[in-house]
Amino acid sequence: MGKKILLIEDDNFMREMIALVLEAESYKVTGVENGGDALGLLRECREYEYDAVISDMYLPDTDGLKLFEQVSANYPGLQFLILTSETDEAIVQQATSLGITYILKDENFAEAILATLQK
């Protein structure tokens, strides 16, 4: 069985599309639409149930950087990717300095996600 991915994306179509791409490559995907639901799922885990988290940058209840801080405090070392259309260089630098993989939603984002997860 493939890696288990926690996918946080508030756009239903985008969440389903990303999940289909990942599942086609044998990843097991749990998708939620906000940070609160993601944190709730992580708290329910007795162990590291997920191998990686993929989060949209802007969610209804938080943003990807704040969510990363909360996740990394309790799950250090958990691979964290932010998937976004945000191109502000200061935000990109802040994310990468924290150890977050920052992937732009462009025509190649699915390949970028898969390449990052395979590392």
PDB file of N, CA and C in Angstrom:
ATOM      1  N   MET A   1       0.846  -1.183   0.000  1.00  0.00           N
ATOM      2  CA  MET A   1       0.000   0.000   0.000  1.00  0.00           C
ATOM      3  C   MET A   1       0.892   1.246   0.000  1.00  0.00           C
ATOM      4  N   GLY A   2       0.424   2.280  -0.660  1.00  0.00           N
ATOM      5  CA  GLY A   2       1.187   3.511  -0.777  1.00  0.00           C
ATOM      6  C   GLY A   2       1.150   4.350   0.482  1.00  0.00           C
ATOM      7  N   LYS A   3       1.846   5.442   0.410  1.00  0.00           N
ATOM      8  CA  LYS A   3       1.869   6.373   1.527  1.00  0.00           C
ATOM      9  C   LYS A   3       0.483   6.940   1.787  1.00  0.00           C
ATOM     10  N   LYS A   4       0.257   7.320   3.041  1.00  0.00           N
ATOM     11  CA  LYS A   4      -1.016   7.932   3.423  1.00  0.00           C
ATOM     12  C   LYS A   4      -0.844   9.450   3.442  1.00  0.00           C
ATOM     13  N   ILE A   5      -1.729  10.123   2.742  1.00  0.00           N
ATOM     14  CA  ILE A   5      -1.653  11.564   2.569  1.00  0.00           C
ATOM     15  C   ILE A   5      -2.878  12.220   3.186  1.00  0.00           C
ATOM     16  N   LEU A   6      -2.657  13.286   3.958  1.00  0.00           N
ATOM     17  CA  LEU A   6      -3.739  14.127   4.460  1.00  0.00           C
ATOM     18  C   LEU A   6      -3.787  15.352   3.558  1.00  0.00           C
ATOM     19  N   LEU A   7      -4.881  15.514   2.826  1.00  0.00           N
ATOM     20  CA  LEU A   7      -5.045  16.586   1.851  1.00  0.00           C
ATOM     21  C   LEU A   7      -6.043  17.600   2.377  1.00  0.00           C
ATOM     22  N   ILE A   8      -5.600  18.863   2.499  1.00  0.00           N
ATOM     23  CA  ILE A   8      -6.457  19.926   3.007  1.00  0.00           C
ATOM     24  C   ILE A   8      -6.650  20.950   1.892  1.00  0.00           C
ATOM     25  N   GLU A   9      -7.846  20.963   1.352  1.00  0.00           N
ATOM     26  CA  GLU A   9      -8.183  21.840   0.224  1.00  0.00           C
ATOM     27  C   GLU A   9      -9.657  22.199   0.328  1.00  0.00           C
ATOM     28  N   ASP A  10      -9.973  23.493   0.353  1.00  0.00           N
ATOM     29  CA  ASP A  10     -11.359  23.909   0.534  1.00  0.00           C
ATOM     30  C   ASP A  10     -12.183  23.856  -0.757  1.00  0.00           C
ATOM     31  N   ASP A  11     -11.545  23.794  -1.900  1.00  0.00           N
ATOM     32  CA  ASP A  11     -12.254  23.683  -3.172  1.00  0.00           C
ATOM     33  C   ASP A  11     -12.515  22.196  -3.446  1.00  0.00           C
ATOM     34  N   ASN A  12     -13.791  21.801  -3.426  1.00  0.00           N
ATOM     35  CA  ASN A  12     -14.149  20.388  -3.577  1.00  0.00           C
ATOM     36  C   ASN A  12     -13.612  19.784  -4.864  1.00  0.00           C
ATOM     37  N   PHE A  13     -13.758  20.488  -5.986  1.00  0.00           N
ATOM     38  CA  PHE A  13     -13.285  19.964  -7.260  1.00  0.00           C
ATOM     39  C   PHE A  13     -11.778  19.740  -7.229  1.00  0.00           C
ATOM     40  N   MET A  14     -11.037  20.725  -6.734  1.00  0.00           N
ATOM     41  CA  MET A  14      -9.581  20.613  -6.680  1.00  0.00           C
ATOM     42  C   MET A  14      -9.166  19.473  -5.753  1.00  0.00           C
ATOM     43  N   ARG A  15      -9.834  19.350  -4.596  1.00  0.00           N
ATOM     44  CA  ARG A  15      -9.514  18.281  -3.654  1.00  0.00           C
ATOM     45  C   ARG A  15      -9.740  16.913  -4.300  1.00  0.00           C
ATOM     46  N   GLU A  16     -10.858  16.751  -4.992  1.00  0.00           N
ATOM     47  CA  GLU A  16     -11.149  15.478  -5.638  1.00  0.00           C
ATOM     48  C   GLU A  16     -10.170  15.182  -6.768  1.00  0.00           C
ATOM     49  N   MET A  17      -9.804  16.210  -7.532  1.00  0.00           N
ATOM     50  CA  MET A  17      -8.869  16.014  -8.634  1.00  0.00           C
ATOM     51  C   MET A  17      -7.495  15.587  -8.120  1.00  0.00           C
ATOM     52  N   ILE A  18      -7.002  16.266  -7.075  1.00  0.00           N
ATOM     53  CA  ILE A  18      -5.701  15.913  -6.503  1.00  0.00           C
ATOM     54  C   ILE A  18      -5.748  14.500  -5.925  1.00  0.00           C
ATOM     55  N   ALA A  19      -6.827  14.179  -5.239  1.00  0.00           N
ATOM     56  CA  ALA A  19      -6.965  12.839  -4.662  1.00  0.00           C
ATOM     57  C   ALA A  19      -6.936  11.772  -5.757  1.00  0.00           C
ATOM     58  N   LEU A  20      -7.619  12.015  -6.873  1.00  0.00           N
ATOM     59  CA  LEU A  20      -7.623  11.041  -7.970  1.00  0.00           C
ATOM     60  C   LEU A  20      -6.224  10.835  -8.546  1.00  0.00           C
ATOM     61  N   VAL A  21      -5.474  11.919  -8.710  1.00  0.00           N
ATOM     62  CA  VAL A  21      -4.104  11.820  -9.220  1.00  0.00           C
ATOM     63  C   VAL A  21      -3.251  10.992  -8.266  1.00  0.00           C
ATOM     64  N   LEU A  22      -3.358  11.275  -6.975  1.00  0.00           N
ATOM     65  CA  LEU A  22      -2.559  10.556  -5.988  1.00  0.00           C
ATOM     66  C   LEU A  22      -2.976   9.089  -5.873  1.00  0.00           C
ATOM     67  N   GLU A  23      -4.278   8.845  -5.867  1.00  0.00           N
ATOM     68  CA  GLU A  23      -4.764   7.477  -5.745  1.00  0.00           C
ATOM     69  C   GLU A  23      -4.373   6.637  -6.962  1.00  0.00           C
ATOM     70  N   ALA A  24      -4.274   7.265  -8.126  1.00  0.00           N
ATOM     71  CA  ALA A  24      -3.833   6.547  -9.328  1.00  0.00           C
ATOM     72  C   ALA A  24      -2.387   6.074  -9.192  1.00  0.00           C
ATOM     73  N   GLU A  25      -1.636   6.719  -8.295  1.00  0.00           N
ATOM     74  CA  GLU A  25      -0.248   6.342  -8.026  1.00  0.00           C
ATOM     75  C   GLU A  25      -0.120   5.545  -6.727  1.00  0.00           C
ATOM     76  N   SER A  26      -1.230   4.985  -6.253  1.00  0.00           N
ATOM     77  CA  SER A  26      -1.301   4.099  -5.078  1.00  0.00           C
ATOM     78  C   SER A  26      -1.158   4.803  -3.726  1.00  0.00           C
ATOM     79  N   TYR A  27      -1.375   6.103  -3.676  1.00  0.00           N
ATOM     80  CA  TYR A  27      -1.410   6.794  -2.389  1.00  0.00           C
ATOM     81  C   TYR A  27      -2.807   6.656  -1.803  1.00  0.00           C
ATOM     82  N   LYS A  28      -2.885   6.581  -0.485  1.00  0.00           N
ATOM     83  CA  LYS A  28      -4.165   6.568   0.217  1.00  0.00           C
ATOM     84  C   LYS A  28      -4.408   7.995   0.702  1.00  0.00           C
ATOM     85  N   VAL A  29      -5.490   8.605   0.263  1.00  0.00           N
ATOM     86  CA  VAL A  29      -5.727  10.027   0.516  1.00  0.00           C
ATOM     87  C   VAL A  29      -6.951  10.217   1.404  1.00  0.00           C
ATOM     88  N   THR A  30      -6.780  11.031   2.444  1.00  0.00           N
ATOM     89  CA  THR A  30      -7.897  11.504   3.245  1.00  0.00           C
ATOM     90  C   THR A  30      -8.001  12.993   2.985  1.00  0.00           C
ATOM     91  N   GLY A  31      -9.137  13.439   2.473  1.00  0.00           N
ATOM     92  CA  GLY A  31      -9.304  14.845   2.146  1.00  0.00           C
ATOM     93  C   GLY A  31     -10.255  15.547   3.096  1.00  0.00           C
ATOM     94  N   VAL A  32      -9.864  16.739   3.514  1.00  0.00           N
ATOM     95  CA  VAL A  32     -10.711  17.595   4.348  1.00  0.00           C
ATOM     96  C   VAL A  32     -10.671  19.007   3.779  1.00  0.00           C
ATOM     97  N   GLU A  33     -11.627  19.849   4.213  1.00  0.00           N
ATOM     98  CA  GLU A  33     -11.725  21.179   3.614  1.00  0.00           C
ATOM     99  C   GLU A  33     -11.198  22.315   4.472  1.00  0.00           C
ATOM    100  N   ASN A  34     -10.747  22.032   5.696  1.00  0.00           N
ATOM    101  CA  ASN A  34     -10.224  23.130   6.510  1.00  0.00           C
ATOM    102  C   ASN A  34      -9.186  22.625   7.515  1.00  0.00           C
ATOM    103  N   GLY A  35      -8.481  23.565   8.107  1.00  0.00           N
ATOM    104  CA  GLY A  35      -7.422  23.231   9.048  1.00  0.00           C
ATOM    105  C   GLY A  35      -7.918  22.572  10.319  1.00  0.00           C
ATOM    106  N   GLY A  36      -9.069  22.998  10.799  1.00  0.00           N
ATOM    107  CA  GLY A  36      -9.620  22.411  12.023  1.00  0.00           C
ATOM    108  C   GLY A  36      -9.900  20.928  11.868  1.00  0.00           C
ATOM    109  N   ASP A  37     -10.481  20.555  10.730  1.00  0.00           N
ATOM    110  CA  ASP A  37     -10.742  19.138  10.480  1.00  0.00           C
ATOM    111  C   ASP A  37      -9.437  18.354  10.377  1.00  0.00           C
ATOM    112  N   ALA A  38      -8.433  18.955   9.739  1.00  0.00           N
ATOM    113  CA  ALA A  38      -7.131  18.293   9.606  1.00  0.00           C
ATOM    114  C   ALA A  38      -6.492  18.058  10.966  1.00  0.00           C
ATOM    115  N   LEU A  39      -6.503  19.079  11.804  1.00  0.00           N
ATOM    116  CA  LEU A  39      -5.917  18.935  13.139  1.00  0.00           C
ATOM    117  C   LEU A  39      -6.673  17.896  13.958  1.00  0.00           C
ATOM    118  N   GLY A  40      -7.994  17.842  13.793  1.00  0.00           N
ATOM    119  CA  GLY A  40      -8.793  16.839  14.490  1.00  0.00           C
ATOM    120  C   GLY A  40      -8.400  15.428  14.078  1.00  0.00           C
ATOM    121  N   LEU A  41      -8.210  15.208  12.782  1.00  0.00           N
ATOM    122  CA  LEU A  41      -7.784  13.889  12.310  1.00  0.00           C
ATOM    123  C   LEU A  41      -6.406  13.525  12.843  1.00  0.00           C
ATOM    124  N   LEU A  42      -5.501  14.481  12.832  1.00  0.00           N
ATOM    125  CA  LEU A  42      -4.154  14.208  13.342  1.00  0.00           C
ATOM    126  C   LEU A  42      -4.180  13.885  14.833  1.00  0.00           C
ATOM    127  N   ARG A  43      -5.026  14.580  15.607  1.00  0.00           N
ATOM    128  CA  ARG A  43      -5.124  14.310  17.050  1.00  0.00           C
ATOM    129  C   ARG A  43      -5.662  12.912  17.321  1.00  0.00           C
ATOM    130  N   GLU A  44      -6.520  12.404  16.435  1.00  0.00           N
ATOM    131  CA  GLU A  44      -7.093  11.071  16.615  1.00  0.00           C
ATOM    132  C   GLU A  44      -6.078   9.961  16.380  1.00  0.00           C
ATOM    133  N   CYS A  45      -4.990  10.282  15.724  1.00  0.00           N
ATOM    134  CA  CYS A  45      -3.976   9.275  15.401  1.00  0.00           C
ATOM    135  C   CYS A  45      -3.164   8.932  16.645  1.00  0.00           C
ATOM    136  N   ARG A  46      -3.004   7.651  16.909  1.00  0.00           N
ATOM    137  CA  ARG A  46      -2.156   7.237  18.023  1.00  0.00           C
ATOM    138  C   ARG A  46      -0.693   7.288  17.624  1.00  0.00           C
ATOM    139  N   GLU A  47      -0.430   7.060  16.355  1.00  0.00           N
ATOM    140  CA  GLU A  47       0.925   7.091  15.826  1.00  0.00           C
ATOM    141  C   GLU A  47       0.926   8.025  14.627  1.00  0.00           C
ATOM    142  N   TYR A  48       2.017   8.052  13.942  1.00  0.00           N
ATOM    143  CA  TYR A  48       2.087   8.823  12.705  1.00  0.00           C
ATOM    144  C   TYR A  48       1.319   8.075  11.629  1.00  0.00           C
ATOM    145  N   GLU A  49       0.048   8.353  11.533  1.00  0.00           N
ATOM    146  CA  GLU A  49      -0.770   7.662  10.549  1.00  0.00           C
ATOM    147  C   GLU A  49      -0.513   8.187   9.142  1.00  0.00           C
ATOM    148  N   TYR A  50      -0.171   9.444   9.026  1.00  0.00           N
ATOM    149  CA  TYR A  50       0.033  10.051   7.716  1.00  0.00           C
ATOM    150  C   TYR A  50       1.521  10.206   7.433  1.00  0.00           C
ATOM    151  N   ASP A  51       1.870  10.005   6.167  1.00  0.00           N
ATOM    152  CA  ASP A  51       3.250  10.175   5.728  1.00  0.00           C
ATOM    153  C   ASP A  51       3.524  11.593   5.269  1.00  0.00           C
ATOM    154  N   ALA A  52       2.464  12.309   4.861  1.00  0.00           N
ATOM    155  CA  ALA A  52       2.631  13.676   4.377  1.00  0.00           C
ATOM    156  C   ALA A  52       1.311  14.422   4.477  1.00  0.00           C
ATOM    157  N   VAL A  53       1.436  15.744   4.550  1.00  0.00           N
ATOM    158  CA  VAL A  53       0.289  16.650   4.541  1.00  0.00           C
ATOM    159  C   VAL A  53       0.449  17.555   3.335  1.00  0.00           C
ATOM    160  N   ILE A  54      -0.627  17.685   2.562  1.00  0.00           N
ATOM    161  CA  ILE A  54      -0.669  18.640   1.463  1.00  0.00           C
ATOM    162  C   ILE A  54      -1.783  19.615   1.793  1.00  0.00           C
ATOM    163  N   SER A  55      -1.442  20.894   1.884  1.00  0.00           N
ATOM    164  CA  SER A  55      -2.423  21.898   2.271  1.00  0.00           C
ATOM    165  C   SER A  55      -2.472  23.041   1.269  1.00  0.00           C
ATOM    166  N   ASP A  56      -3.664  23.519   1.027  1.00  0.00           N
ATOM    167  CA  ASP A  56      -3.838  24.763   0.290  1.00  0.00           C
ATOM    168  C   ASP A  56      -3.264  25.877   1.171  1.00  0.00           C
ATOM    169  N   MET A  57      -2.826  26.959   0.579  1.00  0.00           N
ATOM    170  CA  MET A  57      -2.271  28.062   1.360  1.00  0.00           C
ATOM    171  C   MET A  57      -3.360  28.797   2.135  1.00  0.00           C
ATOM    172  N   TYR A  58      -4.471  29.049   1.484  1.00  0.00           N
ATOM    173  CA  TYR A  58      -5.542  29.820   2.124  1.00  0.00           C
ATOM    174  C   TYR A  58      -6.766  28.948   2.332  1.00  0.00           C
ATOM    175  N   LEU A  59      -7.095  28.729   3.594  1.00  0.00           N
ATOM    176  CA  LEU A  59      -8.219  27.890   3.991  1.00  0.00           C
ATOM    177  C   LEU A  59      -9.257  28.756   4.702  1.00  0.00           C
ATOM    178  N   PRO A  60     -10.478  28.277   4.824  1.00  0.00           N
ATOM    179  CA  PRO A  60     -11.522  29.091   5.463  1.00  0.00           C
ATOM    180  C   PRO A  60     -11.207  29.498   6.906  1.00  0.00           C
ATOM    181  N   ASP A  61     -10.455  28.655   7.624  1.00  0.00           N
ATOM    182  CA  ASP A  61     -10.224  28.918   9.046  1.00  0.00           C
ATOM    183  C   ASP A  61      -8.771  29.208   9.410  1.00  0.00           C
ATOM    184  N   THR A  62      -7.860  29.150   8.460  1.00  0.00           N
ATOM    185  CA  THR A  62      -6.446  29.394   8.756  1.00  0.00           C
ATOM    186  C   THR A  62      -5.690  29.537   7.444  1.00  0.00           C
ATOM    187  N   ASP A  63      -4.378  29.621   7.531  1.00  0.00           N
ATOM    188  CA  ASP A  63      -3.574  29.560   6.312  1.00  0.00           C
ATOM    189  C   ASP A  63      -2.533  28.468   6.473  1.00  0.00           C
ATOM    190  N   GLY A  64      -1.900  28.114   5.373  1.00  0.00           N
ATOM    191  CA  GLY A  64      -0.970  26.994   5.367  1.00  0.00           C
ATOM    192  C   GLY A  64       0.207  27.158   6.306  1.00  0.00           C
ATOM    193  N   LEU A  65       0.707  28.389   6.456  1.00  0.00           N
ATOM    194  CA  LEU A  65       1.852  28.611   7.342  1.00  0.00           C
ATOM    195  C   LEU A  65       1.469  28.406   8.805  1.00  0.00           C
ATOM    196  N   LYS A  66       0.319  28.925   9.205  1.00  0.00           N
ATOM    197  CA  LYS A  66      -0.141  28.727  10.586  1.00  0.00           C
ATOM    198  C   LYS A  66      -0.447  27.252  10.847  1.00  0.00           C
ATOM    199  N   LEU A  67      -1.045  26.605   9.860  1.00  0.00           N
ATOM    200  CA  LEU A  67      -1.345  25.186  10.013  1.00  0.00           C
ATOM    201  C   LEU A  67      -0.061  24.382  10.145  1.00  0.00           C
ATOM    202  N   PHE A  68       0.941  24.714   9.344  1.00  0.00           N
ATOM    203  CA  PHE A  68       2.231  24.033   9.446  1.00  0.00           C
ATOM    204  C   PHE A  68       2.806  24.158  10.856  1.00  0.00           C
ATOM    205  N   GLU A  69       2.745  25.355  11.437  1.00  0.00           N
ATOM    206  CA  GLU A  69       3.264  25.556  12.798  1.00  0.00           C
ATOM    207  C   GLU A  69       2.572  24.632  13.785  1.00  0.00           C
ATOM    208  N   GLN A  70       1.252  24.500  13.669  1.00  0.00           N
ATOM    209  CA  GLN A  70       0.509  23.640  14.582  1.00  0.00           C
ATOM    210  C   GLN A  70       0.832  22.163  14.349  1.00  0.00           C
ATOM    211  N   VAL A  71       0.928  21.778  13.099  1.00  0.00           N
ATOM    212  CA  VAL A  71       1.219  20.377  12.783  1.00  0.00           C
ATOM    213  C   VAL A  71       2.640  20.015  13.201  1.00  0.00           C
ATOM    214  N   SER A  72       3.608  20.859  12.843  1.00  0.00           N
ATOM    215  CA  SER A  72       5.002  20.526  13.128  1.00  0.00           C
ATOM    216  C   SER A  72       5.310  20.528  14.622  1.00  0.00           C
ATOM    217  N   ALA A  73       4.548  21.273  15.412  1.00  0.00           N
ATOM    218  CA  ALA A  73       4.761  21.271  16.861  1.00  0.00           C
ATOM    219  C   ALA A  73       4.455  19.902  17.460  1.00  0.00           C
ATOM    220  N   ASN A  74       3.469  19.212  16.902  1.00  0.00           N
ATOM    221  CA  ASN A  74       3.058  17.909  17.427  1.00  0.00           C
ATOM    222  C   ASN A  74       3.571  16.729  16.612  1.00  0.00           C
ATOM    223  N   TYR A  75       3.922  16.979  15.360  1.00  0.00           N
ATOM    224  CA  TYR A  75       4.391  15.924  14.464  1.00  0.00           C
ATOM    225  C   TYR A  75       5.656  16.377  13.756  1.00  0.00           C
ATOM    226  N   PRO A  76       6.730  16.572  14.495  1.00  0.00           N
ATOM    227  CA  PRO A  76       7.963  17.046  13.853  1.00  0.00           C
ATOM    228  C   PRO A  76       8.449  16.042  12.811  1.00  0.00           C
ATOM    229  N   GLY A  77       8.875  16.568  11.699  1.00  0.00           N
ATOM    230  CA  GLY A  77       9.386  15.707  10.646  1.00  0.00           C
ATOM    231  C   GLY A  77       8.342  15.228   9.657  1.00  0.00           C
ATOM    232  N   LEU A  78       7.060  15.481   9.916  1.00  0.00           N
ATOM    233  CA  LEU A  78       6.014  15.095   8.985  1.00  0.00           C
ATOM    234  C   LEU A  78       6.140  15.955   7.728  1.00  0.00           C
ATOM    235  N   GLN A  79       6.260  15.320   6.573  1.00  0.00           N
ATOM    236  CA  GLN A  79       6.419  16.052   5.320  1.00  0.00           C
ATOM    237  C   GLN A  79       5.200  16.938   5.089  1.00  0.00           C
ATOM    238  N   PHE A  80       5.444  18.213   4.761  1.00  0.00           N
ATOM    239  CA  PHE A  80       4.368  19.195   4.614  1.00  0.00           C
ATOM    240  C   PHE A  80       4.557  19.942   3.306  1.00  0.00           C
ATOM    241  N   LEU A  81       3.539  19.911   2.476  1.00  0.00           N
ATOM    242  CA  LEU A  81       3.554  20.613   1.200  1.00  0.00           C
ATOM    243  C   LEU A  81       2.443  21.649   1.199  1.00  0.00           C
ATOM    244  N   ILE A  82       2.737  22.817   0.682  1.00  0.00           N
ATOM    245  CA  ILE A  82       1.709  23.821   0.454  1.00  0.00           C
ATOM    246  C   ILE A  82       1.505  23.922  -1.047  1.00  0.00           C
ATOM    247  N   LEU A  83       0.256  23.833  -1.442  1.00  0.00           N
ATOM    248  CA  LEU A  83      -0.133  23.920  -2.835  1.00  0.00           C
ATOM    249  C   LEU A  83      -0.954  25.191  -2.999  1.00  0.00           C
ATOM    250  N   THR A  84      -0.498  26.102  -3.852  1.00  0.00           N
ATOM    251  CA  THR A  84      -1.139  27.406  -3.910  1.00  0.00           C
ATOM    252  C   THR A  84      -0.922  28.121  -5.224  1.00  0.00           C
ATOM    253  N   SER A  85      -1.698  29.155  -5.432  1.00  0.00           N
ATOM    254  CA  SER A  85      -1.504  30.068  -6.564  1.00  0.00           C
ATOM    255  C   SER A  85      -0.724  31.303  -6.126  1.00  0.00           C
ATOM    256  N   GLU A  86      -0.441  31.404  -4.825  1.00  0.00           N
ATOM    257  CA  GLU A  86       0.253  32.560  -4.259  1.00  0.00           C
ATOM    258  C   GLU A  86       1.699  32.613  -4.745  1.00  0.00           C
ATOM    259  N   THR A  87       2.072  33.747  -5.347  1.00  0.00           N
ATOM    260  CA  THR A  87       3.432  33.892  -5.869  1.00  0.00           C
ATOM    261  C   THR A  87       4.231  34.970  -5.143  1.00  0.00           C
ATOM    262  N   ASP A  88       3.691  35.528  -4.071  1.00  0.00           N
ATOM    263  CA  ASP A  88       4.404  36.556  -3.310  1.00  0.00           C
ATOM    264  C   ASP A  88       5.732  35.974  -2.813  1.00  0.00           C
ATOM    265  N   GLU A  89       6.825  36.556  -3.256  1.00  0.00           N
ATOM    266  CA  GLU A  89       8.160  36.025  -2.961  1.00  0.00           C
ATOM    267  C   GLU A  89       8.442  35.948  -1.462  1.00  0.00           C
ATOM    268  N   ALA A  90       7.939  36.905  -0.684  1.00  0.00           N
ATOM    269  CA  ALA A  90       8.159  36.886   0.764  1.00  0.00           C
ATOM    270  C   ALA A  90       7.488  35.665   1.401  1.00  0.00           C
ATOM    271  N   ILE A  91       6.301  35.328   0.945  1.00  0.00           N
ATOM    272  CA  ILE A  91       5.590  34.163   1.480  1.00  0.00           C
ATOM    273  C   ILE A  91       6.291  32.878   1.048  1.00  0.00           C
ATOM    274  N   VAL A  92       6.718  32.832  -0.196  1.00  0.00           N
ATOM    275  CA  VAL A  92       7.448  31.663  -0.691  1.00  0.00           C
ATOM    276  C   VAL A  92       8.710  31.443   0.142  1.00  0.00           C
ATOM    277  N   GLN A  93       9.465  32.510   0.385  1.00  0.00           N
ATOM    278  CA  GLN A  93      10.701  32.407   1.179  1.00  0.00           C
ATOM    279  C   GLN A  93      10.400  31.985   2.610  1.00  0.00           C
ATOM    280  N   GLN A  94       9.352  32.549   3.197  1.00  0.00           N
ATOM    281  CA  GLN A  94       8.997  32.178   4.569  1.00  0.00           C
ATOM    282  C   GLN A  94       8.666  30.688   4.638  1.00  0.00           C
ATOM    283  N   ALA A  95       7.883  30.213   3.702  1.00  0.00           N
ATOM    284  CA  ALA A  95       7.495  28.804   3.694  1.00  0.00           C
ATOM    285  C   ALA A  95       8.708  27.898   3.520  1.00  0.00           C
ATOM    286  N   THR A  96       9.547  28.196   2.554  1.00  0.00           N
ATOM    287  CA  THR A  96      10.698  27.329   2.315  1.00  0.00           C
ATOM    288  C   THR A  96      11.706  27.396   3.455  1.00  0.00           C
ATOM    289  N   SER A  97      11.814  28.544   4.113  1.00  0.00           N
ATOM    290  CA  SER A  97      12.734  28.634   5.261  1.00  0.00           C
ATOM    291  C   SER A  97      12.252  27.784   6.438  1.00  0.00           C
ATOM    292  N   LEU A  98      10.953  27.531   6.495  1.00  0.00           N
ATOM    293  CA  LEU A  98      10.400  26.672   7.548  1.00  0.00           C
ATOM    294  C   LEU A  98      10.520  25.185   7.210  1.00  0.00           C
ATOM    295  N   GLY A  99      10.946  24.889   5.986  1.00  0.00           N
ATOM    296  CA  GLY A  99      11.062  23.496   5.570  1.00  0.00           C
ATOM    297  C   GLY A  99       9.841  22.975   4.846  1.00  0.00           C
ATOM    298  N   ILE A 100       8.977  23.880   4.425  1.00  0.00           N
ATOM    299  CA  ILE A 100       7.766  23.506   3.704  1.00  0.00           C
ATOM    300  C   ILE A 100       8.095  23.433   2.215  1.00  0.00           C
ATOM    301  N   THR A 101       7.606  22.404   1.559  1.00  0.00           N
ATOM    302  CA  THR A 101       7.710  22.335   0.112  1.00  0.00           C
ATOM    303  C   THR A 101       6.564  23.160  -0.462  1.00  0.00           C
ATOM    304  N   TYR A 102       6.898  24.139  -1.272  1.00  0.00           N
ATOM    305  CA  TYR A 102       5.941  25.108  -1.799  1.00  0.00           C
ATOM    306  C   TYR A 102       5.725  24.798  -3.275  1.00  0.00           C
ATOM    307  N   ILE A 103       4.512  24.411  -3.645  1.00  0.00           N
ATOM    308  CA  ILE A 103       4.210  24.032  -5.015  1.00  0.00           C
ATOM    309  C   ILE A 103       3.129  24.945  -5.573  1.00  0.00           C
ATOM    310  N   LEU A 104       3.426  25.570  -6.698  1.00  0.00           N
ATOM    311  CA  LEU A 104       2.456  26.443  -7.346  1.00  0.00           C
ATOM    312  C   LEU A 104       1.422  25.623  -8.109  1.00  0.00           C
ATOM    313  N   LYS A 105       0.171  26.078  -8.050  1.00  0.00           N
ATOM    314  CA  LYS A 105      -0.900  25.466  -8.831  1.00  0.00           C
ATOM    315  C   LYS A 105      -0.763  25.972 -10.269  1.00  0.00           C
ATOM    316  N   ASP A 106       0.062  25.290 -11.018  1.00  0.00           N
ATOM    317  CA  ASP A 106       0.215  25.627 -12.425  1.00  0.00           C
ATOM    318  C   ASP A 106      -0.060  24.367 -13.241  1.00  0.00           C
ATOM    319  N   GLU A 107       0.258  24.377 -14.505  1.00  0.00           N
ATOM    320  CA  GLU A 107      -0.060  23.223 -15.348  1.00  0.00           C
ATOM    321  C   GLU A 107       0.745  21.975 -14.988  1.00  0.00           C
ATOM    322  N   ASN A 108       1.799  22.117 -14.192  1.00  0.00           N
ATOM    323  CA  ASN A 108       2.642  20.975 -13.821  1.00  0.00           C
ATOM    324  C   ASN A 108       2.562  20.603 -12.342  1.00  0.00           C
ATOM    325  N   PHE A 109       1.552  21.113 -11.631  1.00  0.00           N
ATOM    326  CA  PHE A 109       1.544  20.909 -10.179  1.00  0.00           C
ATOM    327  C   PHE A 109       1.384  19.444  -9.783  1.00  0.00           C
ATOM    328  N   ALA A 110       0.631  18.663 -10.555  1.00  0.00           N
ATOM    329  CA  ALA A 110       0.450  17.251 -10.197  1.00  0.00           C
ATOM    330  C   ALA A 110       1.779  16.508 -10.256  1.00  0.00           C
ATOM    331  N   GLU A 111       2.558  16.766 -11.283  1.00  0.00           N
ATOM    332  CA  GLU A 111       3.872  16.140 -11.408  1.00  0.00           C
ATOM    333  C   GLU A 111       4.796  16.583 -10.287  1.00  0.00           C
ATOM    334  N   ALA A 112       4.697  17.851  -9.901  1.00  0.00           N
ATOM    335  CA  ALA A 112       5.538  18.378  -8.819  1.00  0.00           C
ATOM    336  C   ALA A 112       5.178  17.705  -7.486  1.00  0.00           C
ATOM    337  N   ILE A 113       3.900  17.509  -7.236  1.00  0.00           N
ATOM    338  CA  ILE A 113       3.474  16.826  -6.007  1.00  0.00           C
ATOM    339  C   ILE A 113       4.038  15.408  -5.988  1.00  0.00           C
ATOM    340  N   LEU A 114       3.838  14.682  -7.069  1.00  0.00           N
ATOM    341  CA  LEU A 114       4.287  13.293  -7.120  1.00  0.00           C
ATOM    342  C   LEU A 114       5.806  13.198  -6.973  1.00  0.00           C
ATOM    343  N   ALA A 115       6.539  14.081  -7.635  1.00  0.00           N
ATOM    344  CA  ALA A 115       8.000  14.060  -7.532  1.00  0.00           C
ATOM    345  C   ALA A 115       8.443  14.336  -6.104  1.00  0.00           C
ATOM    346  N   THR A 116       7.781  15.263  -5.435  1.00  0.00           N
ATOM    347  CA  THR A 116       8.145  15.594  -4.049  1.00  0.00           C
ATOM    348  C   THR A 116       7.839  14.424  -3.115  1.00  0.00           C
ATOM    349  N   LEU A 117       6.703  13.798  -3.275  1.00  0.00           N
ATOM    350  CA  LEU A 117       6.329  12.679  -2.397  1.00  0.00           C
ATOM    351  C   LEU A 117       7.230  11.470  -2.597  1.00  0.00           C
ATOM    352  N   GLN A 118       7.786  11.307  -3.780  1.00  0.00           N
ATOM    353  CA  GLN A 118       8.630  10.148  -4.059  1.00  0.00           C
ATOM    354  C   GLN A 118      10.033  10.320  -3.503  1.00  0.00           C
ATOM    355  N   LYS A 119      10.408  11.516  -3.082  1.00  0.00           N
ATOM    356  CA  LYS A 119      11.744  11.750  -2.526  1.00  0.00           C
ATOM    357  C   LYS A 119      11.878  11.140  -1.151  1.00  0.00           C
TER     358      LYS A 119
END
